[in-house]
Amino acid sequence: MSEDKQEDEKAMEKRIMVMMRQVLSAVARETVPPPGMKHTLSDNTIQGIRECLALISAREQELNIDLGETNQERPRYVDEPQTSKVVSLDSIIKN
């Protein structure tokens, strides 16, 4: 199997993993009951969703490594100091 074909298959698998994660996450969000109400999903189903999301996440990470993609983005708090600074192009005017 050629290297390009392997990369195409891995890219397709990654797209599938992303879609599966998004759908499972949407199901979890949409079925959350109001406070004080019992969840409509059983505890086993909820645990199964958690385990599926963990497996999907692990496989996505493996595929990112295989495809040479790195995810450097990390969540940050609003009050966390920024490490980068935005510079306006207008301020870079030669005299």
Protein backbone atom coordinates (compact mmCIF):
# COMPACT_ATOMS: atom_id res chain seq x y z
CA MET A 1 0.00 0.00 0.00
CA SER A 2 1.43 3.37 -0.95
CA GLU A 3 2.19 5.98 1.68
CA ASP A 4 -0.29 8.47 0.18
CA LYS A 5 -3.08 5.90 0.36
CA GLN A 6 -2.24 5.15 4.01
CA GLU A 7 -2.34 8.86 4.83
CA ASP A 8 -5.68 9.21 3.03
CA GLU A 9 -7.09 6.30 5.03
CA LYS A 10 -5.79 7.78 8.30
CA ALA A 11 -7.23 11.18 7.41
CA MET A 12 -10.60 9.55 6.71
CA GLU A 13 -10.42 7.63 9.99
CA LYS A 14 -9.63 10.89 11.78
CA ARG A 15 -12.71 12.53 10.20
CA ILE A 16 -14.81 9.59 11.38
CA MET A 17 -13.38 9.86 14.90
CA VAL A 18 -14.09 13.60 15.04
CA MET A 19 -17.69 13.08 13.90
CA MET A 20 -18.24 10.26 16.40
CA ARG A 21 -16.88 12.42 19.22
CA GLN A 22 -19.08 15.35 18.22
CA VAL A 23 -22.22 13.21 18.01
CA LEU A 24 -21.59 11.45 21.34
CA SER A 25 -20.88 14.79 23.01
CA ALA A 26 -24.09 16.26 21.56
CA VAL A 27 -26.11 13.29 22.83
CA ALA A 28 -24.59 13.72 26.29
CA ARG A 29 -25.32 17.49 26.31
CA GLU A 30 -28.86 17.15 25.01
CA THR A 31 -29.91 14.46 27.46
CA VAL A 32 -28.73 16.22 30.63
CA PRO A 33 -31.79 16.50 32.88
CA PRO A 34 -32.67 19.57 34.92
CA PRO A 35 -31.20 19.70 38.45
CA GLY A 36 -32.87 17.23 40.79
CA MET A 37 -34.20 14.98 38.00
CA LYS A 38 -32.97 11.45 37.29
CA HIS A 39 -30.99 11.04 34.08
CA THR A 40 -32.87 9.28 31.29
CA LEU A 41 -29.76 7.25 30.38
CA SER A 42 -28.69 4.38 32.62
CA ASP A 43 -25.44 4.57 34.57
CA ASN A 44 -23.98 1.83 32.34
CA THR A 45 -24.83 3.82 29.21
CA ILE A 46 -23.28 6.98 30.65
CA GLN A 47 -20.13 5.05 31.57
CA GLY A 48 -20.08 3.53 28.07
CA ILE A 49 -20.24 6.99 26.51
CA ARG A 50 -17.34 8.13 28.70
CA GLU A 51 -15.26 5.11 27.71
CA CYS A 52 -16.07 5.60 24.01
CA LEU A 53 -15.05 9.26 24.19
CA ALA A 54 -11.78 8.28 25.90
CA LEU A 55 -11.02 5.69 23.20
CA ILE A 56 -11.91 8.13 20.42
CA SER A 57 -9.68 10.78 21.95
CA ALA A 58 -6.77 8.35 22.27
CA ARG A 59 -7.15 7.21 18.65
CA GLU A 60 -7.40 10.81 17.42
CA GLN A 61 -4.13 11.54 19.20
CA GLU A 62 -2.46 8.52 17.57
CA LEU A 63 -3.71 9.58 14.15
CA ASN A 64 -2.47 13.15 14.70
CA ILE A 65 0.98 11.79 15.47
CA ASP A 66 0.92 9.46 12.44
CA LEU A 67 -0.19 12.32 10.18
CA GLY A 68 2.43 14.68 11.62
CA GLU A 69 -0.16 17.04 13.05
CA THR A 70 0.44 18.49 16.47
CA ASN A 71 -2.19 20.12 18.59
CA GLN A 72 -0.54 22.88 20.57
CA GLU A 73 -3.79 24.63 21.42
CA ARG A 74 -4.68 24.48 25.06
CA PRO A 75 -7.57 25.97 26.94
CA ARG A 76 -6.72 29.11 28.86
CA TYR A 77 -8.48 31.07 31.57
CA VAL A 78 -9.73 34.57 30.88
CA ASP A 79 -7.49 36.03 33.60
CA GLU A 80 -4.44 34.06 32.43
CA PRO A 81 -1.78 36.37 30.97
CA GLN A 82 -1.36 36.07 27.21
CA THR A 83 2.02 34.92 25.94
CA SER A 84 1.59 36.55 22.56
CA LYS A 85 0.93 40.11 21.57
CA VAL A 86 -1.10 41.33 18.60
CA VAL A 87 0.64 44.03 16.60
CA SER A 88 -1.22 46.21 14.15
CA LEU A 89 0.24 46.30 10.66
CA ASP A 90 -0.34 50.06 10.66
CA SER A 91 2.21 50.39 13.47
CA ILE A 92 4.92 48.87 11.25
CA ILE A 93 5.39 51.86 8.98
CA LYS A 94 8.85 52.68 7.68
CA ASN A 95 9.93 56.28 8.10
